[in-house]
Each structure stands twice: as C-alpha cells, then as structure tokens.
Protein backbone atom coordinates (compact mmCIF):
# COMPACT_ATOMS: atom_id res chain seq x y z
CA MET A 1 -0.02 0.06 0.05
CA LYS A 2 1.12 3.60 -0.92
CA LYS A 3 0.94 7.00 0.73
CA CYS A 4 -1.11 9.49 -0.78
CA LYS A 5 -0.75 13.24 -1.10
CA ILE A 6 -3.86 15.58 -0.90
CA THR A 7 -3.38 19.16 -2.15
CA VAL A 8 -6.08 21.94 -1.69
CA MET A 9 -6.46 23.33 -5.05
CA LYS A 10 -9.44 25.73 -4.58
CA CYS A 11 -11.89 26.83 -1.84
CA THR A 12 -15.24 28.24 -3.29
CA GLU A 13 -18.15 29.74 -1.36
CA TYR A 14 -21.73 30.50 -2.80
CA PRO A 15 -23.00 33.33 -0.59
CA ASP A 16 -26.22 33.39 -2.61
CA LEU A 17 -26.96 29.73 -1.90
CA MET A 18 -25.94 30.22 1.64
CA ALA A 19 -28.04 33.24 2.32
CA GLN A 20 -31.05 31.43 0.74
CA TYR A 21 -30.81 27.84 2.11
CA LEU A 22 -28.30 27.69 4.96
CA LYS A 23 -29.59 28.06 8.66
CA ALA A 24 -27.07 30.33 10.69
CA THR A 25 -23.96 28.48 11.22
CA GLU A 26 -20.43 29.04 12.55
CA HIS A 27 -18.90 26.40 10.47
CA VAL A 28 -15.85 27.64 8.57
CA CYS A 29 -13.95 25.22 6.28
CA PRO A 30 -10.47 24.45 7.98
CA HIS A 31 -8.70 23.96 4.64
CA LYS A 32 -6.91 26.79 2.56
CA VAL A 33 -5.44 26.74 -1.03
CA GLY A 34 -2.02 25.27 -0.86
CA ASP A 35 -2.61 22.85 2.10
CA VAL A 36 -0.98 19.57 1.75
CA PHE A 37 -1.86 16.39 3.64
CA ILE A 38 0.03 13.07 3.42
CA THR A 39 -2.01 9.78 4.21
CA ASN A 40 -0.60 6.80 5.58
CA GLY A 41 -2.27 4.45 3.04
CA TRP A 42 -5.82 5.34 3.11
CA GLU A 43 -5.94 6.56 6.80
CA GLN A 44 -7.66 9.97 7.41
CA PRO A 45 -4.74 12.60 7.84
CA GLU A 46 -4.95 14.45 11.10
CA GLY A 47 -6.48 17.88 10.91
CA PHE A 48 -8.55 16.98 7.68
CA CYS A 49 -12.19 17.83 7.43
CA ALA A 50 -14.28 14.71 8.11
CA SER A 51 -16.88 15.62 5.58
CA ALA A 52 -14.48 16.15 2.78
CA TRP A 53 -12.67 12.92 3.88
CA GLU A 54 -15.96 11.12 3.08
CA SER A 55 -16.18 12.57 -0.36
CA ILE A 56 -12.30 11.70 -1.22
CA SER A 57 -11.74 8.71 0.68
CA PRO A 58 -12.88 5.89 -1.94
CA TYR A 59 -10.47 7.67 -4.40
CA ILE A 60 -7.53 7.51 -1.87
CA ARG A 61 -8.23 4.09 -1.06
CA VAL A 62 -7.95 3.16 -4.78
CA LEU A 63 -4.80 5.12 -5.21
CA ALA A 64 -3.35 3.75 -2.01
CA HIS A 65 -3.86 0.25 -3.36
CA GLY A 66 -2.28 0.61 -6.67
CA GLY A 67 -5.48 1.64 -8.63
CA GLU A 68 -5.37 4.39 -11.31
CA ASP A 69 -6.92 6.07 -14.33
CA PHE A 70 -10.39 6.90 -12.81
CA PHE A 71 -11.63 8.86 -15.54
CA SER A 72 -10.66 6.82 -18.63
CA GLY A 73 -7.82 9.17 -19.61
CA TRP A 74 -8.83 12.80 -18.51
CA MET A 75 -6.17 12.95 -15.88
CA LYS A 76 -2.39 13.46 -17.43
CA ASP A 77 -1.27 11.62 -14.24
CA LYS A 78 -3.20 8.22 -14.22
CA LYS A 79 -2.14 7.98 -10.49
CA SER A 80 -4.12 11.09 -9.62
CA ALA A 81 -7.70 12.50 -9.43
CA MET A 82 -9.23 15.97 -8.80
CA ILE A 83 -12.12 15.60 -6.31
CA SER A 84 -14.34 18.08 -4.65
CA CYS A 85 -16.03 17.67 -1.44
CA ALA A 86 -19.79 17.42 -1.19
CA ASP A 87 -20.40 20.57 0.69
CA GLY A 88 -22.69 22.51 -1.95
CA PHE A 89 -22.33 25.97 -0.03
CA ARG A 90 -18.53 25.59 0.42
CA PRO A 91 -16.95 23.16 -1.93
CA VAL A 92 -13.22 22.39 -1.56
CA THR A 93 -11.13 20.92 -4.71
CA PHE A 94 -8.40 18.51 -3.86
CA TYR A 95 -5.72 17.11 -6.09
CA LEU A 96 -5.07 13.55 -5.09
CA GLU A 97 -1.78 11.50 -5.85
CA ALA A 98 -0.28 8.32 -5.23
CA LEU A 99 3.12 8.50 -3.92
CA GLU A 100 5.84 6.09 -4.49
CA GLU A 101 6.40 5.76 -0.68
CA ASP A 102 5.10 2.79 1.23
CA ALA A 103 2.42 3.48 3.68
CA GLU A 104 3.67 2.18 7.45
C-alpha cells in the first residue's frame, strides 16, 4: 500500500445559496488553498475535514492500493484524481496523488 498526497487546489463559497438555504452556522472550512496532507495508506490525515474525507476517501483508498485512471484518460497522471467535497455551499477541490513511498 502507498502513501497519498492531498493538495487543496481551490476553495469556493456560494453566498447566494448560503443566504437562501443555509441556517445560521459557525462552520468555517478548515482548509486553505495550498494546504498539503499526506495519508498513511488510506487513513484520514490528522486535521483533515471529516466531511471532505467522506467525499475523497474512496479515491484515496483506490490510489493507495495501486489503482489508477479513474476517468478513462482525463487525468494527465493516471495515479491522480481531482475531487471536490460534497459541501454545496463551500466546496473545496482536492488534487489526489499516489506517492511511491510505502505506507507504514
């Protein structure tokens, strides 16, 4: 099993949707563009948003176990994926890469 790298590529907010549909909340996304996390196999990295992990973990699991080419040739690097979390109000886009380094 391999380690994987997760890079935060883009953080977006939709204030119009938030104003119309979101109840008042103090939730703020903990991730910032440029944040990097390294997984140990497919284990959730410390400090990583649990909700975002639910969205990307199936892809991390496959990459960590040697899988590749999720989108039938869309990605330049077959051992990568560009996946966004499922937060419709504040989606974050992550670049996922399998590393050559073995998981512990």
